[in-house]
Amino acid sequence: MTVTRTAARRPVAIAFVLALVLGPFVAWQGAQGGQTHEVSALAPQGIVVVGDSITARYNDSPGDDDQGWWSIVGHRFGAQVRTYAQSGSGYLRPGHRCEGNRFIDRTQVYSGPAPSILFVEGGRNDWARCVDGMFVPSTDAEIHHAVDTYLDTLQTFVPATTRVIVLGPPWGPLDPTTGVRITRIVRAQAESHGFQFISTAGALTAARVVDGVHPNRHGSAAIARRVIRALE
Protein backbone atom coordinates (compact mmCIF):
# COMPACT_ATOMS: atom_id res chain seq x y z
CA MET A 1 0.00 0.00 0.00
CA THR A 2 2.84 2.36 0.78
CA VAL A 3 4.32 1.79 -2.67
CA THR A 4 0.98 2.61 -4.27
CA ARG A 5 0.55 5.90 -2.36
CA THR A 6 4.09 7.03 -3.20
CA ALA A 7 3.60 6.27 -6.87
CA ALA A 8 0.33 8.17 -6.88
CA ARG A 9 1.91 11.26 -5.35
CA ARG A 10 4.95 11.31 -7.67
CA PRO A 11 3.14 12.78 -10.74
CA VAL A 12 1.58 15.44 -8.54
CA ALA A 13 4.95 16.38 -7.07
CA ILE A 14 6.56 16.54 -10.51
CA ALA A 15 3.74 18.72 -11.84
CA PHE A 16 4.12 21.07 -8.87
CA VAL A 17 7.87 21.47 -9.44
CA LEU A 18 7.36 22.09 -13.17
CA ALA A 19 4.75 24.73 -12.42
CA LEU A 20 7.18 26.57 -10.14
CA VAL A 21 9.97 26.44 -12.69
CA LEU A 22 8.01 27.10 -15.88
CA GLY A 23 5.25 29.34 -14.59
CA PRO A 24 7.12 32.64 -14.84
CA PHE A 25 8.31 31.83 -18.35
CA VAL A 26 4.84 30.93 -19.54
CA ALA A 27 3.66 34.29 -18.23
CA TRP A 28 6.32 35.94 -20.39
CA GLN A 29 5.31 34.08 -23.55
CA GLY A 30 6.07 36.16 -26.62
CA ALA A 31 3.92 36.68 -29.68
CA GLN A 32 6.56 35.60 -32.19
CA GLY A 33 7.24 31.94 -32.83
CA GLY A 34 6.52 30.84 -29.28
CA GLN A 35 9.56 32.72 -27.98
CA THR A 36 9.62 33.88 -24.39
CA HIS A 37 10.65 37.28 -23.09
CA GLU A 38 10.01 39.37 -20.03
CA VAL A 39 7.24 41.92 -20.50
CA SER A 40 8.43 45.39 -19.58
CA ALA A 41 6.44 46.93 -16.76
CA LEU A 42 7.19 50.42 -18.06
CA ALA A 43 6.63 49.78 -21.77
CA PRO A 44 4.75 46.50 -22.32
CA GLN A 45 3.94 47.52 -25.92
CA GLY A 46 7.52 48.56 -26.58
CA ILE A 47 9.25 51.81 -27.44
CA VAL A 48 9.43 53.64 -30.76
CA VAL A 49 12.06 56.27 -31.54
CA VAL A 50 11.83 58.82 -34.35
CA GLY A 51 15.19 60.47 -34.82
CA ASP A 52 18.22 61.63 -36.73
CA SER A 53 21.83 60.38 -36.75
CA ILE A 54 22.06 60.54 -32.95
CA THR A 55 19.75 57.52 -33.16
CA ALA A 56 20.38 56.12 -36.65
CA ARG A 57 24.17 55.67 -36.46
CA TYR A 58 24.05 53.37 -33.44
CA ASN A 59 23.26 49.74 -32.68
CA ASP A 60 21.55 47.52 -30.13
CA SER A 61 24.64 45.62 -28.95
CA PRO A 62 25.17 46.03 -25.18
CA GLY A 63 28.73 47.01 -24.35
CA ASP A 64 29.60 47.93 -27.94
CA ASP A 65 31.22 51.33 -28.52
CA ASP A 66 28.35 52.18 -30.87
CA GLN A 67 25.49 51.06 -28.64
CA GLY A 68 22.74 53.66 -28.99
CA TRP A 69 21.20 55.69 -26.21
CA TRP A 70 17.86 54.13 -27.11
CA SER A 71 19.34 50.65 -26.74
CA ILE A 72 20.64 51.45 -23.26
CA VAL A 73 17.19 52.73 -22.28
CA GLY A 74 15.44 49.70 -23.78
CA HIS A 75 17.68 47.23 -21.94
CA ARG A 76 17.34 49.16 -18.69
CA PHE A 77 13.57 48.70 -18.73
CA GLY A 78 13.42 45.36 -20.56
CA ALA A 79 11.53 46.95 -23.46
CA GLN A 80 11.68 46.21 -27.17
CA VAL A 81 12.69 49.26 -29.23
CA ARG A 82 11.92 50.09 -32.86
CA THR A 83 13.73 53.01 -34.47
CA TYR A 84 12.69 55.12 -37.45
CA ALA A 85 15.72 57.34 -37.86
CA GLN A 86 17.79 58.81 -40.67
CA SER A 87 21.00 60.78 -40.60
CA GLY A 88 20.69 64.42 -41.59
CA SER A 89 16.95 64.53 -41.09
CA GLY A 90 14.70 66.45 -38.74
CA TYR A 91 11.33 68.12 -38.28
CA LEU A 92 12.03 70.43 -41.20
CA ARG A 93 14.85 68.90 -43.19
CA PRO A 94 15.17 65.61 -45.07
CA GLY A 95 18.38 63.60 -44.87
CA HIS A 96 21.85 64.32 -46.20
CA ARG A 97 22.16 65.99 -49.59
CA CYS A 98 18.48 67.01 -49.29
CA GLU A 99 17.40 63.43 -49.93
CA GLY A 100 15.55 60.99 -47.72
CA ASN A 101 12.62 62.07 -45.55
CA ARG A 102 11.54 64.19 -42.62
CA PHE A 103 10.01 62.97 -39.38
CA ILE A 104 6.50 63.65 -40.65
CA ASP A 105 7.07 61.45 -43.71
CA ARG A 106 7.56 58.30 -41.59
CA THR A 107 3.91 57.32 -41.48
CA GLN A 108 4.75 53.75 -40.43
CA VAL A 109 5.38 55.17 -36.97
CA TYR A 110 1.66 55.61 -36.38
CA SER A 111 0.25 53.11 -38.87
CA GLY A 112 1.73 50.12 -37.02
CA PRO A 113 1.04 48.80 -33.49
CA ALA A 114 0.91 51.62 -30.97
CA PRO A 115 3.90 51.59 -28.61
CA SER A 116 3.79 52.36 -24.91
CA ILE A 117 6.34 55.15 -25.38
CA LEU A 118 7.20 57.25 -28.44
CA PHE A 119 10.39 59.29 -28.33
CA VAL A 120 11.05 62.12 -30.78
CA GLU A 121 14.78 62.86 -30.89
CA GLY A 122 15.82 65.60 -33.28
CA GLY A 123 16.16 69.22 -34.30
CA ARG A 124 19.95 69.24 -34.62
CA ASN A 125 19.71 69.41 -38.42
CA ASP A 126 16.89 71.93 -38.65
CA TRP A 127 19.19 74.95 -38.75
CA ALA A 128 18.77 74.55 -42.52
CA ARG A 129 16.03 73.72 -45.01
CA CYS A 130 16.42 72.45 -48.57
CA VAL A 131 15.86 74.69 -51.59
CA ASP A 132 16.65 73.24 -55.03
CA GLY A 133 18.88 70.63 -53.44
CA MET A 134 20.85 73.17 -51.42
CA PHE A 135 20.88 74.00 -47.71
CA VAL A 136 19.44 77.40 -46.84
CA PRO A 137 19.43 78.69 -43.22
CA SER A 138 16.03 78.27 -41.53
CA THR A 139 14.15 81.02 -39.78
CA ASP A 140 12.66 80.59 -36.33
CA ALA A 141 9.19 80.74 -37.85
CA GLU A 142 9.98 77.90 -40.25
CA ILE A 143 11.29 75.70 -37.46
CA HIS A 144 8.30 76.51 -35.23
CA HIS A 145 5.93 75.59 -38.04
CA ALA A 146 7.68 72.29 -38.80
CA VAL A 147 7.79 71.17 -35.15
CA ASP A 148 4.22 72.31 -34.54
CA THR A 149 2.95 70.44 -37.61
CA TYR A 150 4.68 67.20 -36.66
CA LEU A 151 3.52 67.26 -33.04
CA ASP A 152 0.00 68.05 -34.25
CA THR A 153 0.24 64.96 -36.44
CA LEU A 154 1.26 62.81 -33.49
CA GLN A 155 -1.66 64.15 -31.45
CA THR A 156 -4.00 63.20 -34.30
CA PHE A 157 -2.73 59.72 -35.14
CA VAL A 158 -1.06 58.37 -31.98
CA PRO A 159 -3.52 57.00 -29.38
CA ALA A 160 -3.72 58.61 -25.97
CA THR A 161 -2.39 55.38 -24.45
CA THR A 162 1.03 56.13 -25.95
CA ARG A 163 3.30 58.34 -23.86
CA VAL A 164 4.92 60.84 -26.25
CA ILE A 165 8.27 62.22 -25.06
CA VAL A 166 10.21 64.92 -26.91
CA LEU A 167 13.97 65.07 -26.38
CA GLY A 168 15.74 68.36 -26.59
CA PRO A 169 18.13 67.92 -29.53
CA PRO A 170 21.38 66.44 -28.19
CA TRP A 171 23.92 69.11 -29.07
CA GLY A 172 27.70 68.76 -29.02
CA PRO A 173 30.11 71.67 -28.63
CA LEU A 174 29.83 72.87 -32.24
CA ASP A 175 27.63 75.93 -32.85
CA PRO A 176 26.14 76.20 -29.34
CA THR A 177 24.20 79.39 -30.12
CA THR A 178 22.13 77.61 -32.77
CA GLY A 179 21.66 74.75 -30.31
CA VAL A 180 20.10 77.06 -27.75
CA ARG A 181 17.86 78.64 -30.39
CA ILE A 182 16.49 75.36 -31.76
CA THR A 183 16.19 73.72 -28.34
CA ARG A 184 14.09 76.65 -27.13
CA ILE A 185 11.70 76.18 -30.07
CA VAL A 186 11.42 72.40 -29.65
CA ARG A 187 10.78 72.75 -25.91
CA ALA A 188 8.11 75.42 -26.37
CA GLN A 189 6.28 73.32 -28.94
CA ALA A 190 6.47 70.15 -26.84
CA GLU A 191 5.06 71.91 -23.81
CA SER A 192 2.31 73.65 -25.81
CA HIS A 193 1.20 70.24 -27.11
CA GLY A 194 1.20 68.75 -23.62
CA PHE A 195 4.07 66.34 -24.32
CA GLN A 196 6.81 65.53 -21.84
CA PHE A 197 10.12 67.25 -22.64
CA ILE A 198 13.51 65.89 -21.59
CA SER A 199 16.46 68.26 -21.72
CA THR A 200 19.77 66.89 -23.00
CA ALA A 201 21.64 70.18 -22.52
CA GLY A 202 25.22 69.54 -21.45
CA ALA A 203 25.09 65.79 -22.06
CA LEU A 204 27.40 65.90 -25.08
CA THR A 205 30.56 67.52 -23.82
CA ALA A 206 33.74 67.68 -25.90
CA ALA A 207 34.91 64.42 -24.29
CA ARG A 208 31.66 62.65 -25.22
CA VAL A 209 31.57 63.25 -28.96
CA VAL A 210 33.63 61.89 -31.84
CA ASP A 211 33.41 64.88 -34.18
CA GLY A 212 31.91 67.71 -32.20
CA VAL A 213 28.41 66.44 -32.99
CA HIS A 214 27.91 62.68 -32.68
CA PRO A 215 28.21 60.91 -29.34
CA ASN A 216 30.82 58.33 -28.51
CA ARG A 217 30.01 55.54 -26.07
CA HIS A 218 30.10 57.95 -23.11
CA GLY A 219 27.91 60.45 -24.94
CA SER A 220 25.21 57.91 -25.75
CA ALA A 221 25.31 56.75 -22.13
CA ALA A 222 24.94 60.36 -20.95
CA ILE A 223 21.83 60.86 -23.09
CA ALA A 224 20.45 57.54 -21.83
CA ARG A 225 20.97 58.59 -18.22
CA ARG A 226 18.88 61.72 -18.76
CA VAL A 227 16.07 59.64 -20.24
CA ILE A 228 16.24 56.92 -17.59
CA ARG A 229 16.09 59.48 -14.76
CA ALA A 230 13.04 61.10 -16.34
CA LEU A 231 11.28 57.75 -16.79
CA GLU A 232 12.07 56.56 -13.29
C-alpha atoms as a PDB file:
ATOM      1  CA  MET A   1       0.000   0.000   0.000  1.00  0.00           C
ATOM      2  CA  THR A   2       2.837   2.362   0.777  1.00  0.00           C
ATOM      3  CA  VAL A   3       4.320   1.792  -2.667  1.00  0.00           C
ATOM      4  CA  THR A   4       0.976   2.606  -4.269  1.00  0.00           C
ATOM      5  CA  ARG A   5       0.552   5.898  -2.361  1.00  0.00           C
ATOM      6  CA  THR A   6       4.091   7.031  -3.197  1.00  0.00           C
ATOM      7  CA  ALA A   7       3.601   6.269  -6.873  1.00  0.00           C
ATOM      8  CA  ALA A   8       0.327   8.171  -6.878  1.00  0.00           C
ATOM      9  CA  ARG A   9       1.915  11.260  -5.350  1.00  0.00           C
ATOM     10  CA  ARG A  10       4.952  11.312  -7.665  1.00  0.00           C
ATOM     11  CA  PRO A  11       3.139  12.779 -10.743  1.00  0.00           C
ATOM     12  CA  VAL A  12       1.579  15.438  -8.545  1.00  0.00           C
ATOM     13  CA  ALA A  13       4.954  16.378  -7.070  1.00  0.00           C
ATOM     14  CA  ILE A  14       6.560  16.538 -10.509  1.00  0.00           C
ATOM     15  CA  ALA A  15       3.737  18.719 -11.838  1.00  0.00           C
ATOM     16  CA  PHE A  16       4.119  21.072  -8.873  1.00  0.00           C
ATOM     17  CA  VAL A  17       7.868  21.468  -9.444  1.00  0.00           C
ATOM     18  CA  LEU A  18       7.361  22.089 -13.174  1.00  0.00           C
ATOM     19  CA  ALA A  19       4.750  24.733 -12.416  1.00  0.00           C
ATOM     20  CA  LEU A  20       7.180  26.570 -10.142  1.00  0.00           C
ATOM     21  CA  VAL A  21       9.970  26.437 -12.693  1.00  0.00           C
ATOM     22  CA  LEU A  22       8.011  27.098 -15.875  1.00  0.00           C
ATOM     23  CA  GLY A  23       5.249  29.337 -14.591  1.00  0.00           C
ATOM     24  CA  PRO A  24       7.119  32.644 -14.837  1.00  0.00           C
ATOM     25  CA  PHE A  25       8.313  31.826 -18.349  1.00  0.00           C
ATOM     26  CA  VAL A  26       4.842  30.931 -19.542  1.00  0.00           C
ATOM     27  CA  ALA A  27       3.664  34.291 -18.234  1.00  0.00           C
ATOM     28  CA  TRP A  28       6.319  35.935 -20.394  1.00  0.00           C
ATOM     29  CA  GLN A  29       5.305  34.076 -23.552  1.00  0.00           C
ATOM     30  CA  GLY A  30       6.071  36.163 -26.623  1.00  0.00           C
ATOM     31  CA  ALA A  31       3.916  36.676 -29.678  1.00  0.00           C
ATOM     32  CA  GLN A  32       6.555  35.603 -32.186  1.00  0.00           C
ATOM     33  CA  GLY A  33       7.236  31.939 -32.825  1.00  0.00           C
ATOM     34  CA  GLY A  34       6.523  30.845 -29.278  1.00  0.00           C
ATOM     35  CA  GLN A  35       9.561  32.716 -27.977  1.00  0.00           C
ATOM     36  CA  THR A  36       9.617  33.881 -24.386  1.00  0.00           C
ATOM     37  CA  HIS A  37      10.648  37.281 -23.087  1.00  0.00           C
ATOM     38  CA  GLU A  38      10.006  39.367 -20.033  1.00  0.00           C
ATOM     39  CA  VAL A  39       7.244  41.915 -20.498  1.00  0.00           C
ATOM     40  CA  SER A  40       8.429  45.393 -19.583  1.00  0.00           C
ATOM     41  CA  ALA A  41       6.439  46.929 -16.755  1.00  0.00           C
ATOM     42  CA  LEU A  42       7.194  50.425 -18.060  1.00  0.00           C
ATOM     43  CA  ALA A  43       6.630  49.784 -21.769  1.00  0.00           C
ATOM     44  CA  PRO A  44       4.746  46.500 -22.323  1.00  0.00           C
ATOM     45  CA  GLN A  45       3.940  47.521 -25.917  1.00  0.00           C
ATOM     46  CA  GLY A  46       7.522  48.558 -26.583  1.00  0.00           C
ATOM     47  CA  ILE A  47       9.248  51.812 -27.438  1.00  0.00           C
ATOM     48  CA  VAL A  48       9.433  53.645 -30.765  1.00  0.00           C
ATOM     49  CA  VAL A  49      12.060  56.270 -31.539  1.00  0.00           C
ATOM     50  CA  VAL A  50      11.835  58.818 -34.348  1.00  0.00           C
ATOM     51  CA  GLY A  51      15.189  60.466 -34.815  1.00  0.00           C
ATOM     52  CA  ASP A  52      18.224  61.630 -36.729  1.00  0.00           C
ATOM     53  CA  SER A  53      21.829  60.380 -36.751  1.00  0.00           C
ATOM     54  CA  ILE A  54      22.055  60.539 -32.952  1.00  0.00           C
ATOM     55  CA  THR A  55      19.749  57.525 -33.156  1.00  0.00           C
ATOM     56  CA  ALA A  56      20.383  56.119 -36.647  1.00  0.00           C
ATOM     57  CA  ARG A  57      24.170  55.671 -36.459  1.00  0.00           C
ATOM     58  CA  TYR A  58      24.053  53.374 -33.442  1.00  0.00           C
ATOM     59  CA  ASN A  59      23.261  49.744 -32.676  1.00  0.00           C
ATOM     60  CA  ASP A  60      21.552  47.522 -30.126  1.00  0.00           C
ATOM     61  CA  SER A  61      24.637  45.621 -28.949  1.00  0.00           C
ATOM     62  CA  PRO A  62      25.169  46.030 -25.179  1.00  0.00           C
ATOM     63  CA  GLY A  63      28.730  47.010 -24.355  1.00  0.00           C
ATOM     64  CA  ASP A  64      29.598  47.932 -27.936  1.00  0.00           C
ATOM     65  CA  ASP A  65      31.216  51.329 -28.520  1.00  0.00           C
ATOM     66  CA  ASP A  66      28.346  52.176 -30.873  1.00  0.00           C
ATOM     67  CA  GLN A  67      25.490  51.058 -28.643  1.00  0.00           C
ATOM     68  CA  GLY A  68      22.742  53.656 -28.990  1.00  0.00           C
ATOM     69  CA  TRP A  69      21.201  55.694 -26.210  1.00  0.00           C
ATOM     70  CA  TRP A  70      17.857  54.135 -27.113  1.00  0.00           C
ATOM     71  CA  SER A  71      19.338  50.646 -26.737  1.00  0.00           C
ATOM     72  CA  ILE A  72      20.642  51.450 -23.258  1.00  0.00           C
ATOM     73  CA  VAL A  73      17.188  52.726 -22.278  1.00  0.00           C
ATOM     74  CA  GLY A  74      15.442  49.695 -23.780  1.00  0.00           C
ATOM     75  CA  HIS A  75      17.677  47.230 -21.939  1.00  0.00           C
ATOM     76  CA  ARG A  76      17.338  49.157 -18.690  1.00  0.00           C
ATOM     77  CA  PHE A  77      13.571  48.702 -18.735  1.00  0.00           C
ATOM     78  CA  GLY A  78      13.416  45.364 -20.561  1.00  0.00           C
ATOM     79  CA  ALA A  79      11.528  46.951 -23.461  1.00  0.00           C
ATOM     80  CA  GLN A  80      11.680  46.208 -27.170  1.00  0.00           C
ATOM     81  CA  VAL A  81      12.692  49.259 -29.228  1.00  0.00           C
ATOM     82  CA  ARG A  82      11.918  50.086 -32.857  1.00  0.00           C
ATOM     83  CA  THR A  83      13.726  53.012 -34.466  1.00  0.00           C
ATOM     84  CA  TYR A  84      12.692  55.123 -37.453  1.00  0.00           C
ATOM     85  CA  ALA A  85      15.719  57.336 -37.862  1.00  0.00           C
ATOM     86  CA  GLN A  86      17.787  58.808 -40.666  1.00  0.00           C
ATOM     87  CA  SER A  87      21.004  60.777 -40.598  1.00  0.00           C
ATOM     88  CA  GLY A  88      20.695  64.421 -41.587  1.00  0.00           C
ATOM     89  CA  SER A  89      16.946  64.533 -41.087  1.00  0.00           C
ATOM     90  CA  GLY A  90      14.697  66.453 -38.742  1.00  0.00           C
ATOM     91  CA  TYR A  91      11.335  68.116 -38.280  1.00  0.00           C
ATOM     92  CA  LEU A  92      12.027  70.431 -41.201  1.00  0.00           C
ATOM     93  CA  ARG A  93      14.846  68.901 -43.195  1.00  0.00           C
ATOM     94  CA  PRO A  94      15.167  65.608 -45.075  1.00  0.00           C
ATOM     95  CA  GLY A  95      18.380  63.603 -44.870  1.00  0.00           C
ATOM     96  CA  HIS A  96      21.855  64.315 -46.200  1.00  0.00           C
ATOM     97  CA  ARG A  97      22.157  65.993 -49.592  1.00  0.00           C
ATOM     98  CA  CYS A  98      18.477  67.009 -49.290  1.00  0.00           C
ATOM     99  CA  GLU A  99      17.395  63.433 -49.931  1.00  0.00           C
ATOM    100  CA  GLY A 100      15.546  60.990 -47.718  1.00  0.00           C
ATOM    101  CA  ASN A 101      12.625  62.074 -45.555  1.00  0.00           C
ATOM    102  CA  ARG A 102      11.543  64.189 -42.621  1.00  0.00           C
ATOM    103  CA  PHE A 103      10.010  62.965 -39.376  1.00  0.00           C
ATOM    104  CA  ILE A 104       6.502  63.647 -40.651  1.00  0.00           C
ATOM    105  CA  ASP A 105       7.070  61.446 -43.711  1.00  0.00           C
ATOM    106  CA  ARG A 106       7.562  58.304 -41.593  1.00  0.00           C
ATOM    107  CA  THR A 107       3.914  57.320 -41.483  1.00  0.00           C
ATOM    108  CA  GLN A 108       4.750  53.753 -40.433  1.00  0.00           C
ATOM    109  CA  VAL A 109       5.382  55.175 -36.969  1.00  0.00           C
ATOM    110  CA  TYR A 110       1.659  55.612 -36.376  1.00  0.00           C
ATOM    111  CA  SER A 111       0.254  53.109 -38.874  1.00  0.00           C
ATOM    112  CA  GLY A 112       1.734  50.116 -37.021  1.00  0.00           C
ATOM    113  CA  PRO A 113       1.038  48.800 -33.491  1.00  0.00           C
ATOM    114  CA  ALA A 114       0.913  51.623 -30.973  1.00  0.00           C
ATOM    115  CA  PRO A 115       3.904  51.595 -28.606  1.00  0.00           C
ATOM    116  CA  SER A 116       3.787  52.355 -24.910  1.00  0.00           C
ATOM    117  CA  ILE A 117       6.340  55.149 -25.380  1.00  0.00           C
ATOM    118  CA  LEU A 118       7.196  57.246 -28.437  1.00  0.00           C
ATOM    119  CA  PHE A 119      10.390  59.291 -28.330  1.00  0.00           C
ATOM    120  CA  VAL A 120      11.052  62.117 -30.775  1.00  0.00           C
ATOM    121  CA  GLU A 121      14.781  62.863 -30.894  1.00  0.00           C
ATOM    122  CA  GLY A 122      15.819  65.602 -33.282  1.00  0.00           C
ATOM    123  CA  GLY A 123      16.161  69.216 -34.298  1.00  0.00           C
ATOM    124  CA  ARG A 124      19.947  69.237 -34.618  1.00  0.00           C
ATOM    125  CA  ASN A 125      19.706  69.406 -38.424  1.00  0.00           C
ATOM    126  CA  ASP A 126      16.892  71.931 -38.651  1.00  0.00           C
ATOM    127  CA  TRP A 127      19.185  74.948 -38.750  1.00  0.00           C
ATOM    128  CA  ALA A 128      18.770  74.552 -42.524  1.00  0.00           C
ATOM    129  CA  ARG A 129      16.032  73.717 -45.007  1.00  0.00           C
ATOM    130  CA  CYS A 130      16.416  72.454 -48.569  1.00  0.00           C
ATOM    131  CA  VAL A 131      15.861  74.693 -51.587  1.00  0.00           C
ATOM    132  CA  ASP A 132      16.649  73.240 -55.032  1.00  0.00           C
ATOM    133  CA  GLY A 133      18.882  70.633 -53.444  1.00  0.00           C
ATOM    134  CA  MET A 134      20.849  73.168 -51.420  1.00  0.00           C
ATOM    135  CA  PHE A 135      20.882  73.998 -47.711  1.00  0.00           C
ATOM    136  CA  VAL A 136      19.443  77.400 -46.838  1.00  0.00           C
ATOM    137  CA  PRO A 137      19.425  78.689 -43.217  1.00  0.00           C
ATOM    138  CA  SER A 138      16.034  78.270 -41.534  1.00  0.00           C
ATOM    139  CA  THR A 139      14.154  81.022 -39.780  1.00  0.00           C
ATOM    140  CA  ASP A 140      12.664  80.589 -36.325  1.00  0.00           C
ATOM    141  CA  ALA A 141       9.194  80.741 -37.851  1.00  0.00           C
ATOM    142  CA  GLU A 142       9.977  77.901 -40.247  1.00  0.00           C
ATOM    143  CA  ILE A 143      11.295  75.705 -37.455  1.00  0.00           C
ATOM    144  CA  HIS A 144       8.304  76.513 -35.229  1.00  0.00           C
ATOM    145  CA  HIS A 145       5.934  75.590 -38.041  1.00  0.00           C
ATOM    146  CA  ALA A 146       7.683  72.286 -38.796  1.00  0.00           C
ATOM    147  CA  VAL A 147       7.793  71.166 -35.149  1.00  0.00           C
ATOM    148  CA  ASP A 148       4.218  72.307 -34.540  1.00  0.00           C
ATOM    149  CA  THR A 149       2.951  70.438 -37.607  1.00  0.00           C
ATOM    150  CA  TYR A 150       4.680  67.197 -36.656  1.00  0.00           C
ATOM    151  CA  LEU A 151       3.521  67.258 -33.040  1.00  0.00           C
ATOM    152  CA  ASP A 152      -0.005  68.052 -34.247  1.00  0.00           C
ATOM    153  CA  THR A 153       0.239  64.956 -36.444  1.00  0.00           C
ATOM    154  CA  LEU A 154       1.256  62.813 -33.488  1.00  0.00           C
ATOM    155  CA  GLN A 155      -1.662  64.145 -31.452  1.00  0.00           C
ATOM    156  CA  THR A 156      -3.996  63.202 -34.296  1.00  0.00           C
ATOM    157  CA  PHE A 157      -2.731  59.723 -35.138  1.00  0.00           C
ATOM    158  CA  VAL A 158      -1.058  58.371 -31.983  1.00  0.00           C
ATOM    159  CA  PRO A 159      -3.515  57.001 -29.382  1.00  0.00           C
ATOM    160  CA  ALA A 160      -3.717  58.614 -25.971  1.00  0.00           C
ATOM    161  CA  THR A 161      -2.393  55.376 -24.447  1.00  0.00           C
ATOM    162  CA  THR A 162       1.029  56.134 -25.950  1.00  0.00           C
ATOM    163  CA  ARG A 163       3.305  58.336 -23.860  1.00  0.00           C
ATOM    164  CA  VAL A 164       4.923  60.838 -26.245  1.00  0.00           C
ATOM    165  CA  ILE A 165       8.267  62.222 -25.065  1.00  0.00           C
ATOM    166  CA  VAL A 166      10.212  64.917 -26.908  1.00  0.00           C
ATOM    167  CA  LEU A 167      13.969  65.074 -26.378  1.00  0.00           C
ATOM    168  CA  GLY A 168      15.738  68.365 -26.594  1.00  0.00           C
ATOM    169  CA  PRO A 169      18.127  67.924 -29.533  1.00  0.00           C
ATOM    170  CA  PRO A 170      21.382  66.436 -28.190  1.00  0.00           C
ATOM    171  CA  TRP A 171      23.922  69.107 -29.068  1.00  0.00           C
ATOM    172  CA  GLY A 172      27.697  68.758 -29.020  1.00  0.00           C
ATOM    173  CA  PRO A 173      30.115  71.670 -28.626  1.00  0.00           C
ATOM    174  CA  LEU A 174      29.830  72.870 -32.241  1.00  0.00           C
ATOM    175  CA  ASP A 175      27.630  75.930 -32.847  1.00  0.00           C
ATOM    176  CA  PRO A 176      26.141  76.198 -29.339  1.00  0.00           C
ATOM    177  CA  THR A 177      24.199  79.392 -30.121  1.00  0.00           C
ATOM    178  CA  THR A 178      22.129  77.609 -32.768  1.00  0.00           C
ATOM    179  CA  GLY A 179      21.662  74.752 -30.313  1.00  0.00           C
ATOM    180  CA  VAL A 180      20.101  77.062 -27.745  1.00  0.00           C
ATOM    181  CA  ARG A 181      17.860  78.640 -30.389  1.00  0.00           C
ATOM    182  CA  ILE A 182      16.489  75.365 -31.760  1.00  0.00           C
ATOM    183  CA  THR A 183      16.186  73.718 -28.344  1.00  0.00           C
ATOM    184  CA  ARG A 184      14.086  76.645 -27.128  1.00  0.00           C
ATOM    185  CA  ILE A 185      11.703  76.175 -30.072  1.00  0.00           C
ATOM    186  CA  VAL A 186      11.423  72.399 -29.647  1.00  0.00           C
ATOM    187  CA  ARG A 187      10.784  72.751 -25.913  1.00  0.00           C
ATOM    188  CA  ALA A 188       8.115  75.419 -26.372  1.00  0.00           C
ATOM    189  CA  GLN A 189       6.277  73.316 -28.938  1.00  0.00           C
ATOM    190  CA  ALA A 190       6.473  70.145 -26.844  1.00  0.00           C
ATOM    191  CA  GLU A 191       5.061  71.906 -23.812  1.00  0.00           C
ATOM    192  CA  SER A 192       2.315  73.649 -25.807  1.00  0.00           C
ATOM    193  CA  HIS A 193       1.197  70.236 -27.113  1.00  0.00           C
ATOM    194  CA  GLY A 194       1.201  68.755 -23.617  1.00  0.00           C
ATOM    195  CA  PHE A 195       4.069  66.341 -24.323  1.00  0.00           C
ATOM    196  CA  GLN A 196       6.812  65.531 -21.842  1.00  0.00           C
ATOM    197  CA  PHE A 197      10.116  67.250 -22.638  1.00  0.00           C
ATOM    198  CA  ILE A 198      13.514  65.893 -21.587  1.00  0.00           C
ATOM    199  CA  SER A 199      16.462  68.255 -21.718  1.00  0.00           C
ATOM    200  CA  THR A 200      19.771  66.893 -22.999  1.00  0.00           C
ATOM    201  CA  ALA A 201      21.640  70.176 -22.518  1.00  0.00           C
ATOM    202  CA  GLY A 202      25.222  69.539 -21.448  1.00  0.00           C
ATOM    203  CA  ALA A 203      25.089  65.791 -22.056  1.00  0.00           C
ATOM    204  CA  LEU A 204      27.397  65.905 -25.085  1.00  0.00           C
ATOM    205  CA  THR A 205      30.560  67.524 -23.819  1.00  0.00           C
ATOM    206  CA  ALA A 206      33.741  67.678 -25.898  1.00  0.00           C
ATOM    207  CA  ALA A 207      34.907  64.422 -24.293  1.00  0.00           C
ATOM    208  CA  ARG A 208      31.663  62.652 -25.219  1.00  0.00           C
ATOM    209  CA  VAL A 209      31.573  63.254 -28.962  1.00  0.00           C
ATOM    210  CA  VAL A 210      33.634  61.893 -31.840  1.00  0.00           C
ATOM    211  CA  ASP A 211      33.407  64.881 -34.179  1.00  0.00           C
ATOM    212  CA  GLY A 212      31.914  67.706 -32.205  1.00  0.00           C
ATOM    213  CA  VAL A 213      28.409  66.444 -32.992  1.00  0.00           C
ATOM    214  CA  HIS A 214      27.905  62.681 -32.685  1.00  0.00           C
ATOM    215  CA  PRO A 215      28.211  60.912 -29.336  1.00  0.00           C
ATOM    216  CA  ASN A 216      30.824  58.329 -28.510  1.00  0.00           C
ATOM    217  CA  ARG A 217      30.006  55.535 -26.068  1.00  0.00           C
ATOM    218  CA  HIS A 218      30.096  57.947 -23.110  1.00  0.00           C
ATOM    219  CA  GLY A 219      27.906  60.453 -24.945  1.00  0.00           C
ATOM    220  CA  SER A 220      25.206  57.915 -25.747  1.00  0.00           C
ATOM    221  CA  ALA A 221      25.306  56.755 -22.129  1.00  0.00           C
ATOM    222  CA  ALA A 222      24.936  60.363 -20.946  1.00  0.00           C
ATOM    223  CA  ILE A 223      21.825  60.857 -23.085  1.00  0.00           C
ATOM    224  CA  ALA A 224      20.450  57.539 -21.834  1.00  0.00           C
ATOM    225  CA  ARG A 225      20.969  58.587 -18.216  1.00  0.00           C
ATOM    226  CA  ARG A 226      18.881  61.723 -18.759  1.00  0.00           C
ATOM    227  CA  VAL A 227      16.069  59.641 -20.242  1.00  0.00           C
ATOM    228  CA  ILE A 228      16.241  56.922 -17.594  1.00  0.00           C
ATOM    229  CA  ARG A 229      16.095  59.476 -14.763  1.00  0.00           C
ATOM    230  CA  ALA A 230      13.036  61.095 -16.342  1.00  0.00           C
ATOM    231  CA  LEU A 231      11.282  57.751 -16.789  1.00  0.00           C
ATOM    232  CA  GLU A 232      12.069  56.562 -13.285  1.00  0.00           C
END
